[in-house]
């Protein structure tokens, strides 16, 4: 049973490190954006999203090695930024092409 617990511990640690990587990516992406792009996209201010993604990174570091409530809150916050705000910013800044499918334009 000890071997299973050790393997499980390594899996949780690997998932925590992957989640922390996603959170850091969201923070770095937010840092690189212009402040006016957030308002042009109809999203909250850059300062708000910097605070959200920054707190997500801090929570991810605190929860490293454990998948508790803090880790879940952190990955959800980073996921909201990456799934909702980043695509809107890409569209405003002209980075994301319209009508792009997985194999090109449609």
PDB file of N, CA and C in Angstrom:
ATOM      1  N   UNK A   1       0.818  -1.183   0.000  1.00  0.00           N
ATOM      2  CA  UNK A   1       0.000   0.000   0.000  1.00  0.00           C
ATOM      3  C   UNK A   1       0.864   1.249   0.000  1.00  0.00           C
ATOM      4  N   UNK A   2       2.056   1.168   0.520  1.00  0.00           N
ATOM      5  CA  UNK A   2       2.964   2.303   0.565  1.00  0.00           C
ATOM      6  C   UNK A   2       3.402   2.712  -0.847  1.00  0.00           C
ATOM      7  N   UNK A   3       3.604   1.737  -1.715  1.00  0.00           N
ATOM      8  CA  UNK A   3       4.003   2.035  -3.095  1.00  0.00           C
ATOM      9  C   UNK A   3       2.910   2.821  -3.811  1.00  0.00           C
ATOM     10  N   UNK A   4       1.666   2.412  -3.617  1.00  0.00           N
ATOM     11  CA  UNK A   4       0.543   3.101  -4.235  1.00  0.00           C
ATOM     12  C   UNK A   4       0.441   4.540  -3.730  1.00  0.00           C
ATOM     13  N   UNK A   5       0.668   4.751  -2.451  1.00  0.00           N
ATOM     14  CA  UNK A   5       0.642   6.090  -1.884  1.00  0.00           C
ATOM     15  C   UNK A   5       1.749   6.960  -2.449  1.00  0.00           C
ATOM     16  N   UNK A   6       2.917   6.384  -2.675  1.00  0.00           N
ATOM     17  CA  UNK A   6       4.031   7.131  -3.251  1.00  0.00           C
ATOM     18  C   UNK A   6       3.732   7.529  -4.690  1.00  0.00           C
ATOM     19  N   UNK A   7       3.208   6.603  -5.474  1.00  0.00           N
ATOM     20  CA  UNK A   7       2.848   6.903  -6.859  1.00  0.00           C
ATOM     21  C   UNK A   7       1.771   7.975  -6.902  1.00  0.00           C
ATOM     22  N   UNK A   8       0.806   7.846  -6.033  1.00  0.00           N
ATOM     23  CA  UNK A   8      -0.266   8.829  -5.966  1.00  0.00           C
ATOM     24  C   UNK A   8       0.284  10.206  -5.598  1.00  0.00           C
ATOM     25  N   UNK A   9       1.227  10.259  -4.695  1.00  0.00           N
ATOM     26  CA  UNK A   9       1.855  11.521  -4.313  1.00  0.00           C
ATOM     27  C   UNK A   9       2.582  12.166  -5.480  1.00  0.00           C
ATOM     28  N   UNK A  10       3.290  11.371  -6.278  1.00  0.00           N
ATOM     29  CA  UNK A  10       3.988  11.906  -7.453  1.00  0.00           C
ATOM     30  C   UNK A  10       3.004  12.410  -8.509  1.00  0.00           C
ATOM     31  N   UNK A  11       1.893  11.726  -8.668  1.00  0.00           N
ATOM     32  CA  UNK A  11       0.881  12.168  -9.633  1.00  0.00           C
ATOM     33  C   UNK A  11       0.284  13.502  -9.205  1.00  0.00           C
ATOM     34  N   UNK A  12      -0.032  13.637  -7.924  1.00  0.00           N
ATOM     35  CA  UNK A  12      -0.579  14.895  -7.412  1.00  0.00           C
ATOM     36  C   UNK A  12       0.437  16.018  -7.569  1.00  0.00           C
ATOM     37  N   UNK A  13       1.695  15.739  -7.301  1.00  0.00           N
ATOM     38  CA  UNK A  13       2.738  16.750  -7.468  1.00  0.00           C
ATOM     39  C   UNK A  13       2.869  17.163  -8.932  1.00  0.00           C
ATOM     40  N   UNK A  14       2.819  16.207  -9.847  1.00  0.00           N
ATOM     41  CA  UNK A  14       2.919  16.533 -11.272  1.00  0.00           C
ATOM     42  C   UNK A  14       1.728  17.377 -11.728  1.00  0.00           C
ATOM     43  N   UNK A  15       0.528  17.039 -11.265  1.00  0.00           N
ATOM     44  CA  UNK A  15      -0.650  17.836 -11.610  1.00  0.00           C
ATOM     45  C   UNK A  15      -0.570  19.239 -11.025  1.00  0.00           C
ATOM     46  N   UNK A  16      -0.039  19.351  -9.815  1.00  0.00           N
ATOM     47  CA  UNK A  16       0.113  20.664  -9.192  1.00  0.00           C
ATOM     48  C   UNK A  16       1.118  21.524  -9.950  1.00  0.00           C
ATOM     49  N   UNK A  17       2.194  20.928 -10.407  1.00  0.00           N
ATOM     50  CA  UNK A  17       3.196  21.675 -11.173  1.00  0.00           C
ATOM     51  C   UNK A  17       2.627  22.096 -12.529  1.00  0.00           C
ATOM     52  N   UNK A  18       1.865  21.222 -13.159  1.00  0.00           N
ATOM     53  CA  UNK A  18       1.231  21.580 -14.433  1.00  0.00           C
ATOM     54  C   UNK A  18       0.237  22.726 -14.240  1.00  0.00           C
ATOM     55  N   UNK A  19      -0.555  22.669 -13.170  1.00  0.00           N
ATOM     56  CA  UNK A  19      -1.505  23.738 -12.882  1.00  0.00           C
ATOM     57  C   UNK A  19      -0.777  25.044 -12.609  1.00  0.00           C
ATOM     58  N   UNK A  20       0.321  24.990 -11.890  1.00  0.00           N
ATOM     59  CA  UNK A  20       1.108  26.192 -11.622  1.00  0.00           C
ATOM     60  C   UNK A  20       1.665  26.767 -12.923  1.00  0.00           C
ATOM     61  N   UNK A  21       2.057  25.909 -13.839  1.00  0.00           N
ATOM     62  CA  UNK A  21       2.525  26.388 -15.142  1.00  0.00           C
ATOM     63  C   UNK A  21       1.439  27.119 -15.906  1.00  0.00           C
ATOM     64  N   UNK A  22       0.208  26.617 -15.860  1.00  0.00           N
ATOM     65  CA  UNK A  22      -0.923  27.282 -16.519  1.00  0.00           C
ATOM     66  C   UNK A  22      -1.181  28.631 -15.867  1.00  0.00           C
ATOM     67  N   UNK A  23      -1.104  28.688 -14.556  1.00  0.00           N
ATOM     68  CA  UNK A  23      -1.347  29.942 -13.837  1.00  0.00           C
ATOM     69  C   UNK A  23      -0.275  30.981 -14.145  1.00  0.00           C
ATOM     70  N   UNK A  24       0.971  30.557 -14.212  1.00  0.00           N
ATOM     71  CA  UNK A  24       2.056  31.482 -14.557  1.00  0.00           C
ATOM     72  C   UNK A  24       1.900  31.959 -15.997  1.00  0.00           C
ATOM     73  N   UNK A  25       1.509  31.073 -16.898  1.00  0.00           N
ATOM     74  CA  UNK A  25       1.283  31.466 -18.293  1.00  0.00           C
ATOM     75  C   UNK A  25       0.189  32.530 -18.389  1.00  0.00           C
ATOM     76  N   UNK A  26      -0.888  32.362 -17.627  1.00  0.00           N
ATOM     77  CA  UNK A  26      -1.972  33.351 -17.633  1.00  0.00           C
ATOM     78  C   UNK A  26      -1.479  34.692 -17.114  1.00  0.00           C
ATOM     79  N   UNK A  27      -0.677  34.682 -16.066  1.00  0.00           N
ATOM     80  CA  UNK A  27      -0.144  35.932 -15.512  1.00  0.00           C
ATOM     81  C   UNK A  27       0.786  36.618 -16.501  1.00  0.00           C
ATOM     82  N   UNK A  28       1.681  35.879 -17.125  1.00  0.00           N
ATOM     83  CA  UNK A  28       2.615  36.464 -18.086  1.00  0.00           C
ATOM     84  C   UNK A  28       1.863  37.008 -19.297  1.00  0.00           C
ATOM     85  N   UNK A  29       0.855  36.292 -19.767  1.00  0.00           N
ATOM     86  CA  UNK A  29       0.058  36.778 -20.889  1.00  0.00           C
ATOM     87  C   UNK A  29      -0.651  38.078 -20.522  1.00  0.00           C
ATOM     88  N   UNK A  30      -1.180  38.144 -19.321  1.00  0.00           N
ATOM     89  CA  UNK A  30      -1.862  39.353 -18.864  1.00  0.00           C
ATOM     90  C   UNK A  30      -0.883  40.521 -18.750  1.00  0.00           C
ATOM     91  N   UNK A  31       0.314  40.259 -18.296  1.00  0.00           N
ATOM     92  CA  UNK A  31       1.329  41.309 -18.180  1.00  0.00           C
ATOM     93  C   UNK A  31       1.706  41.895 -19.532  1.00  0.00           C
ATOM     94  N   UNK A  32       1.680  41.103 -20.566  1.00  0.00           N
ATOM     95  CA  UNK A  32       2.130  41.535 -21.896  1.00  0.00           C
ATOM     96  C   UNK A  32       1.078  42.310 -22.675  1.00  0.00           C
ATOM     97  N   UNK A  33      -0.155  42.367 -22.181  1.00  0.00           N
ATOM     98  CA  UNK A  33      -1.247  43.023 -22.912  1.00  0.00           C
ATOM     99  C   UNK A  33      -1.304  44.517 -22.603  1.00  0.00           C
ATOM    100  N   UNK A  34      -1.794  45.284 -23.579  1.00  0.00           N
ATOM    101  CA  UNK A  34      -1.994  46.722 -23.382  1.00  0.00           C
ATOM    102  C   UNK A  34      -3.241  46.941 -22.520  1.00  0.00           C
ATOM    103  N   UNK A  35      -3.218  47.948 -21.641  1.00  0.00           N
ATOM    104  CA  UNK A  35      -4.388  48.189 -20.782  1.00  0.00           C
ATOM    105  C   UNK A  35      -5.647  48.563 -21.558  1.00  0.00           C
ATOM    106  N   UNK A  36      -5.497  49.286 -22.669  1.00  0.00           N
ATOM    107  CA  UNK A  36      -6.681  49.703 -23.415  1.00  0.00           C
ATOM    108  C   UNK A  36      -7.354  48.542 -24.147  1.00  0.00           C
ATOM    109  N   UNK A  37      -6.641  47.458 -24.366  1.00  0.00           N
ATOM    110  CA  UNK A  37      -7.231  46.297 -25.043  1.00  0.00           C
ATOM    111  C   UNK A  37      -8.303  45.648 -24.171  1.00  0.00           C
ATOM    112  N   UNK A  38      -8.135  45.709 -22.869  1.00  0.00           N
ATOM    113  CA  UNK A  38      -9.116  45.100 -21.967  1.00  0.00           C
ATOM    114  C   UNK A  38     -10.461  45.823 -22.063  1.00  0.00           C
ATOM    115  N   UNK A  39     -10.415  47.158 -22.047  1.00  0.00           N
ATOM    116  CA  UNK A  39     -11.671  47.900 -22.142  1.00  0.00           C
ATOM    117  C   UNK A  39     -12.260  47.799 -23.544  1.00  0.00           C
ATOM    118  N   UNK A  40     -11.406  47.747 -24.576  1.00  0.00           N
ATOM    119  CA  UNK A  40     -11.904  47.600 -25.944  1.00  0.00           C
ATOM    120  C   UNK A  40     -12.588  46.244 -26.138  1.00  0.00           C
ATOM    121  N   UNK A  41     -12.135  45.245 -25.426  1.00  0.00           N
ATOM    122  CA  UNK A  41     -12.731  43.911 -25.529  1.00  0.00           C
ATOM    123  C   UNK A  41     -13.969  43.772 -24.642  1.00  0.00           C
ATOM    124  N   UNK A  42     -14.269  44.788 -23.856  1.00  0.00           N
ATOM    125  CA  UNK A  42     -15.436  44.724 -22.980  1.00  0.00           C
ATOM    126  C   UNK A  42     -15.203  43.891 -21.735  1.00  0.00           C
ATOM    127  N   UNK A  43     -13.956  43.791 -21.311  1.00  0.00           N
ATOM    128  CA  UNK A  43     -13.611  43.009 -20.124  1.00  0.00           C
ATOM    129  C   UNK A  43     -13.229  43.949 -18.988  1.00  0.00           C
ATOM    130  N   UNK A  44     -13.019  43.402 -17.809  1.00  0.00           N
ATOM    131  CA  UNK A  44     -12.570  44.198 -16.673  1.00  0.00           C
ATOM    132  C   UNK A  44     -11.182  44.749 -16.962  1.00  0.00           C
ATOM    133  N   UNK A  45     -10.699  45.641 -16.122  1.00  0.00           N
ATOM    134  CA  UNK A  45      -9.433  46.343 -16.370  1.00  0.00           C
ATOM    135  C   UNK A  45      -8.237  45.391 -16.262  1.00  0.00           C
ATOM    136  N   UNK A  46      -7.126  45.863 -16.790  1.00  0.00           N
ATOM    137  CA  UNK A  46      -5.892  45.074 -16.729  1.00  0.00           C
ATOM    138  C   UNK A  46      -5.474  44.859 -15.276  1.00  0.00           C
ATOM    139  N   UNK A  47      -5.629  45.886 -14.449  1.00  0.00           N
ATOM    140  CA  UNK A  47      -5.273  45.753 -13.033  1.00  0.00           C
ATOM    141  C   UNK A  47      -6.072  44.656 -12.340  1.00  0.00           C
ATOM    142  N   UNK A  48      -7.349  44.571 -12.668  1.00  0.00           N
ATOM    143  CA  UNK A  48      -8.189  43.521 -12.087  1.00  0.00           C
ATOM    144  C   UNK A  48      -7.665  42.145 -12.479  1.00  0.00           C
ATOM    145  N   UNK A  49      -7.389  41.955 -13.769  1.00  0.00           N
ATOM    146  CA  UNK A  49      -6.941  40.636 -14.224  1.00  0.00           C
ATOM    147  C   UNK A  49      -5.520  40.326 -13.770  1.00  0.00           C
ATOM    148  N   UNK A  50      -4.692  41.357 -13.596  1.00  0.00           N
ATOM    149  CA  UNK A  50      -3.375  41.117 -13.008  1.00  0.00           C
ATOM    150  C   UNK A  50      -3.517  40.635 -11.566  1.00  0.00           C
ATOM    151  N   UNK A  51      -4.441  41.238 -10.835  1.00  0.00           N
ATOM    152  CA  UNK A  51      -4.674  40.805  -9.455  1.00  0.00           C
ATOM    153  C   UNK A  51      -5.203  39.377  -9.418  1.00  0.00           C
ATOM    154  N   UNK A  52      -6.149  39.059 -10.287  1.00  0.00           N
ATOM    155  CA  UNK A  52      -6.734  37.709 -10.297  1.00  0.00           C
ATOM    156  C   UNK A  52      -5.684  36.659 -10.650  1.00  0.00           C
ATOM    157  N   UNK A  53      -4.930  36.901 -11.712  1.00  0.00           N
ATOM    158  CA  UNK A  53      -3.930  35.905 -12.115  1.00  0.00           C
ATOM    159  C   UNK A  53      -2.745  35.869 -11.150  1.00  0.00           C
ATOM    160  N   UNK A  54      -2.408  37.016 -10.563  1.00  0.00           N
ATOM    161  CA  UNK A  54      -1.329  37.039  -9.569  1.00  0.00           C
ATOM    162  C   UNK A  54      -1.699  36.255  -8.323  1.00  0.00           C
ATOM    163  N   UNK A  55      -2.925  36.440  -7.850  1.00  0.00           N
ATOM    164  CA  UNK A  55      -3.391  35.665  -6.694  1.00  0.00           C
ATOM    165  C   UNK A  55      -3.478  34.186  -7.053  1.00  0.00           C
ATOM    166  N   UNK A  56      -3.853  33.885  -8.290  1.00  0.00           N
ATOM    167  CA  UNK A  56      -3.904  32.479  -8.718  1.00  0.00           C
ATOM    168  C   UNK A  56      -2.519  31.846  -8.644  1.00  0.00           C
ATOM    169  N   UNK A  57      -1.492  32.578  -9.062  1.00  0.00           N
ATOM    170  CA  UNK A  57      -0.123  32.038  -8.973  1.00  0.00           C
ATOM    171  C   UNK A  57       0.269  31.841  -7.514  1.00  0.00           C
ATOM    172  N   UNK A  58      -0.036  32.822  -6.667  1.00  0.00           N
ATOM    173  CA  UNK A  58       0.301  32.677  -5.248  1.00  0.00           C
ATOM    174  C   UNK A  58      -0.419  31.489  -4.616  1.00  0.00           C
ATOM    175  N   UNK A  59      -1.693  31.320  -4.938  1.00  0.00           N
ATOM    176  CA  UNK A  59      -2.431  30.171  -4.409  1.00  0.00           C
ATOM    177  C   UNK A  59      -1.875  28.864  -4.954  1.00  0.00           C
ATOM    178  N   UNK A  60      -1.453  28.878  -6.215  1.00  0.00           N
ATOM    179  CA  UNK A  60      -0.862  27.677  -6.801  1.00  0.00           C
ATOM    180  C   UNK A  60       0.439  27.289  -6.125  1.00  0.00           C
ATOM    181  N   UNK A  61       1.234  28.289  -5.752  1.00  0.00           N
ATOM    182  CA  UNK A  61       2.491  28.002  -5.046  1.00  0.00           C
ATOM    183  C   UNK A  61       2.194  27.466  -3.650  1.00  0.00           C
ATOM    184  N   UNK A  62       1.229  28.082  -2.965  1.00  0.00           N
ATOM    185  CA  UNK A  62       0.873  27.637  -1.609  1.00  0.00           C
ATOM    186  C   UNK A  62       0.324  26.213  -1.645  1.00  0.00           C
ATOM    187  N   UNK A  63      -0.461  25.897  -2.656  1.00  0.00           N
ATOM    188  CA  UNK A  63      -1.104  24.582  -2.733  1.00  0.00           C
ATOM    189  C   UNK A  63      -0.252  23.546  -3.461  1.00  0.00           C
ATOM    190  N   UNK A  64       0.994  23.862  -3.763  1.00  0.00           N
ATOM    191  CA  UNK A  64       1.860  22.939  -4.506  1.00  0.00           C
ATOM    192  C   UNK A  64       1.988  21.615  -3.763  1.00  0.00           C
ATOM    193  N   UNK A  65       1.710  20.546  -4.457  1.00  0.00           N
ATOM    194  CA  UNK A  65       1.810  19.219  -3.865  1.00  0.00           C
ATOM    195  C   UNK A  65       0.503  18.721  -3.266  1.00  0.00           C
ATOM    196  N   UNK A  66      -0.527  19.518  -3.353  1.00  0.00           N
ATOM    197  CA  UNK A  66      -1.819  19.085  -2.829  1.00  0.00           C
ATOM    198  C   UNK A  66      -2.928  19.665  -3.684  1.00  0.00           C
ATOM    199  N   UNK A  67      -3.949  18.899  -3.921  1.00  0.00           N
ATOM    200  CA  UNK A  67      -5.051  19.367  -4.750  1.00  0.00           C
ATOM    201  C   UNK A  67      -6.226  19.777  -3.865  1.00  0.00           C
ATOM    202  N   UNK A  68      -5.992  20.761  -3.013  1.00  0.00           N
ATOM    203  CA  UNK A  68      -7.042  21.239  -2.128  1.00  0.00           C
ATOM    204  C   UNK A  68      -7.871  22.328  -2.775  1.00  0.00           C
ATOM    205  N   UNK A  69      -8.658  22.980  -1.964  1.00  0.00           N
ATOM    206  CA  UNK A  69      -9.537  24.037  -2.436  1.00  0.00           C
ATOM    207  C   UNK A  69      -8.745  25.200  -3.029  1.00  0.00           C
ATOM    208  N   UNK A  70      -7.599  25.530  -2.449  1.00  0.00           N
ATOM    209  CA  UNK A  70      -6.788  26.640  -2.968  1.00  0.00           C
ATOM    210  C   UNK A  70      -6.313  26.356  -4.393  1.00  0.00           C
ATOM    211  N   UNK A  71      -5.900  25.142  -4.647  1.00  0.00           N
ATOM    212  CA  UNK A  71      -5.438  24.778  -5.988  1.00  0.00           C
ATOM    213  C   UNK A  71      -6.579  24.839  -6.993  1.00  0.00           C
ATOM    214  N   UNK A  72      -7.756  24.443  -6.579  1.00  0.00           N
ATOM    215  CA  UNK A  72      -8.911  24.476  -7.481  1.00  0.00           C
ATOM    216  C   UNK A  72      -9.302  25.913  -7.802  1.00  0.00           C
ATOM    217  N   UNK A  73      -9.325  26.780  -6.791  1.00  0.00           N
ATOM    218  CA  UNK A  73      -9.640  28.188  -7.014  1.00  0.00           C
ATOM    219  C   UNK A  73      -8.617  28.819  -7.949  1.00  0.00           C
ATOM    220  N   UNK A  74      -7.352  28.498  -7.766  1.00  0.00           N
ATOM    221  CA  UNK A  74      -6.289  29.077  -8.586  1.00  0.00           C
ATOM    222  C   UNK A  74      -6.411  28.653 -10.050  1.00  0.00           C
ATOM    223  N   UNK A  75      -6.632  27.389 -10.305  1.00  0.00           N
ATOM    224  CA  UNK A  75      -6.704  26.929 -11.695  1.00  0.00           C
ATOM    225  C   UNK A  75      -7.987  27.402 -12.361  1.00  0.00           C
ATOM    226  N   UNK A  76      -9.068  27.552 -11.609  1.00  0.00           N
ATOM    227  CA  UNK A  76     -10.307  28.085 -12.184  1.00  0.00           C
ATOM    228  C   UNK A  76     -10.111  29.550 -12.573  1.00  0.00           C
ATOM    229  N   UNK A  77      -9.453  30.335 -11.729  1.00  0.00           N
ATOM    230  CA  UNK A  77      -9.209  31.745 -12.041  1.00  0.00           C
ATOM    231  C   UNK A  77      -8.350  31.886 -13.295  1.00  0.00           C
ATOM    232  N   UNK A  78      -7.285  31.107 -13.382  1.00  0.00           N
ATOM    233  CA  UNK A  78      -6.438  31.156 -14.572  1.00  0.00           C
ATOM    234  C   UNK A  78      -7.194  30.644 -15.796  1.00  0.00           C
ATOM    235  N   UNK A  79      -8.023  29.639 -15.616  1.00  0.00           N
ATOM    236  CA  UNK A  79      -8.807  29.104 -16.720  1.00  0.00           C
ATOM    237  C   UNK A  79      -9.823  30.094 -17.257  1.00  0.00           C
ATOM    238  N   UNK A  80     -10.439  30.867 -16.376  1.00  0.00           N
ATOM    239  CA  UNK A  80     -11.388  31.885 -16.823  1.00  0.00           C
ATOM    240  C   UNK A  80     -10.663  32.934 -17.663  1.00  0.00           C
ATOM    241  N   UNK A  81      -9.482  33.344 -17.213  1.00  0.00           N
ATOM    242  CA  UNK A  81      -8.723  34.315 -17.994  1.00  0.00           C
ATOM    243  C   UNK A  81      -8.370  33.742 -19.373  1.00  0.00           C
ATOM    244  N   UNK A  82      -7.858  32.523 -19.392  1.00  0.00           N
ATOM    245  CA  UNK A  82      -7.396  31.937 -20.655  1.00  0.00           C
ATOM    246  C   UNK A  82      -8.546  31.577 -21.596  1.00  0.00           C
ATOM    247  N   UNK A  83      -9.692  31.199 -21.056  1.00  0.00           N
ATOM    248  CA  UNK A  83     -10.803  30.772 -21.905  1.00  0.00           C
ATOM    249  C   UNK A  83     -11.725  31.917 -22.318  1.00  0.00           C
ATOM    250  N   UNK A  84     -11.783  32.990 -21.536  1.00  0.00           N
ATOM    251  CA  UNK A  84     -12.721  34.072 -21.830  1.00  0.00           C
ATOM    252  C   UNK A  84     -12.011  35.365 -22.217  1.00  0.00           C
ATOM    253  N   UNK A  85     -11.078  35.804 -21.418  1.00  0.00           N
ATOM    254  CA  UNK A  85     -10.457  37.113 -21.628  1.00  0.00           C
ATOM    255  C   UNK A  85      -9.415  37.061 -22.744  1.00  0.00           C
ATOM    256  N   UNK A  86      -8.538  36.081 -22.732  1.00  0.00           N
ATOM    257  CA  UNK A  86      -7.465  36.005 -23.732  1.00  0.00           C
ATOM    258  C   UNK A  86      -8.003  35.942 -25.163  1.00  0.00           C
ATOM    259  N   UNK A  87      -9.013  35.116 -25.481  1.00  0.00           N
ATOM    260  CA  UNK A  87      -9.529  35.132 -26.858  1.00  0.00           C
ATOM    261  C   UNK A  87     -10.127  36.479 -27.257  1.00  0.00           C
ATOM    262  N   UNK A  88     -10.800  37.151 -26.318  1.00  0.00           N
ATOM    263  CA  UNK A  88     -11.359  38.465 -26.622  1.00  0.00           C
ATOM    264  C   UNK A  88     -10.246  39.480 -26.881  1.00  0.00           C
ATOM    265  N   UNK A  89      -9.181  39.410 -26.101  1.00  0.00           N
ATOM    266  CA  UNK A  89      -8.042  40.309 -26.311  1.00  0.00           C
ATOM    267  C   UNK A  89      -7.347  39.999 -27.637  1.00  0.00           C
ATOM    268  N   UNK A  90      -7.217  38.724 -27.966  1.00  0.00           N
ATOM    269  CA  UNK A  90      -6.608  38.351 -29.249  1.00  0.00           C
ATOM    270  C   UNK A  90      -7.406  38.907 -30.420  1.00  0.00           C
ATOM    271  N   UNK A  91      -8.715  38.866 -30.309  1.00  0.00           N
ATOM    272  CA  UNK A  91      -9.561  39.365 -31.386  1.00  0.00           C
ATOM    273  C   UNK A  91      -9.426  40.875 -31.516  1.00  0.00           C
ATOM    274  N   UNK A  92      -9.394  41.591 -30.400  1.00  0.00           N
ATOM    275  CA  UNK A  92      -9.266  43.049 -30.430  1.00  0.00           C
ATOM    276  C   UNK A  92      -7.907  43.464 -30.973  1.00  0.00           C
ATOM    277  N   UNK A  93      -6.871  42.733 -30.590  1.00  0.00           N
ATOM    278  CA  UNK A  93      -5.515  43.087 -31.001  1.00  0.00           C
ATOM    279  C   UNK A  93      -5.149  42.520 -32.370  1.00  0.00           C
ATOM    280  N   UNK A  94      -6.074  41.811 -33.001  1.00  0.00           N
ATOM    281  CA  UNK A  94      -5.832  41.301 -34.339  1.00  0.00           C
ATOM    282  C   UNK A  94      -4.961  40.070 -34.402  1.00  0.00           C
ATOM    283  N   UNK A  95      -4.805  39.365 -33.299  1.00  0.00           N
ATOM    284  CA  UNK A  95      -3.958  38.167 -33.301  1.00  0.00           C
ATOM    285  C   UNK A  95      -4.713  36.927 -33.742  1.00  0.00           C
ATOM    286  N   UNK A  96      -5.975  36.861 -33.393  1.00  0.00           N
ATOM    287  CA  UNK A  96      -6.752  35.674 -33.744  1.00  0.00           C
ATOM    288  C   UNK A  96      -7.527  35.921 -35.013  1.00  0.00           C
ATOM    289  N   UNK A  97      -7.284  35.109 -36.025  1.00  0.00           N
ATOM    290  CA  UNK A  97      -8.016  35.256 -37.275  1.00  0.00           C
ATOM    291  C   UNK A  97      -9.457  34.811 -37.117  1.00  0.00           C
ATOM    292  N   UNK A  98     -10.349  35.492 -37.793  1.00  0.00           N
ATOM    293  CA  UNK A  98     -11.756  35.108 -37.736  1.00  0.00           C
ATOM    294  C   UNK A  98     -11.990  33.897 -38.623  1.00  0.00           C
ATOM    295  N   UNK A  99     -12.953  33.092 -38.244  1.00  0.00           N
ATOM    296  CA  UNK A  99     -13.358  31.916 -39.013  1.00  0.00           C
ATOM    297  C   UNK A  99     -12.206  30.941 -39.223  1.00  0.00           C
ATOM    298  N   UNK A 100     -11.466  30.668 -38.178  1.00  0.00           N
ATOM    299  CA  UNK A 100     -10.375  29.705 -38.270  1.00  0.00           C
ATOM    300  C   UNK A 100     -10.813  28.392 -37.661  1.00  0.00           C
ATOM    301  N   UNK A 101     -10.714  27.343 -38.429  1.00  0.00           N
ATOM    302  CA  UNK A 101     -10.999  26.015 -37.949  1.00  0.00           C
ATOM    303  C   UNK A 101      -9.697  25.319 -37.596  1.00  0.00           C
ATOM    304  N   UNK A 102      -9.754  24.045 -37.225  1.00  0.00           N
ATOM    305  CA  UNK A 102      -8.537  23.342 -36.863  1.00  0.00           C
ATOM    306  C   UNK A 102      -7.591  23.116 -38.043  1.00  0.00           C
ATOM    307  N   UNK A 103      -8.127  23.209 -39.272  1.00  0.00           N
ATOM    308  CA  UNK A 103      -7.294  22.959 -40.464  1.00  0.00           C
ATOM    309  C   UNK A 103      -7.169  24.195 -41.352  1.00  0.00           C
ATOM    310  N   UNK A 104      -7.495  25.363 -40.807  1.00  0.00           N
ATOM    311  CA  UNK A 104      -7.382  26.596 -41.586  1.00  0.00           C
ATOM    312  C   UNK A 104      -8.709  27.315 -41.672  1.00  0.00           C
ATOM    313  N   UNK A 105      -8.782  28.301 -42.559  1.00  0.00           N
ATOM    314  CA  UNK A 105     -10.021  29.088 -42.656  1.00  0.00           C
ATOM    315  C   UNK A 105     -11.176  28.265 -43.195  1.00  0.00           C
ATOM    316  N   UNK A 106     -12.382  28.637 -42.819  1.00  0.00           N
ATOM    317  CA  UNK A 106     -13.572  27.961 -43.317  1.00  0.00           C
ATOM    318  C   UNK A 106     -14.585  28.966 -43.734  1.00  0.00           C
TER     319      UNK A 106
END
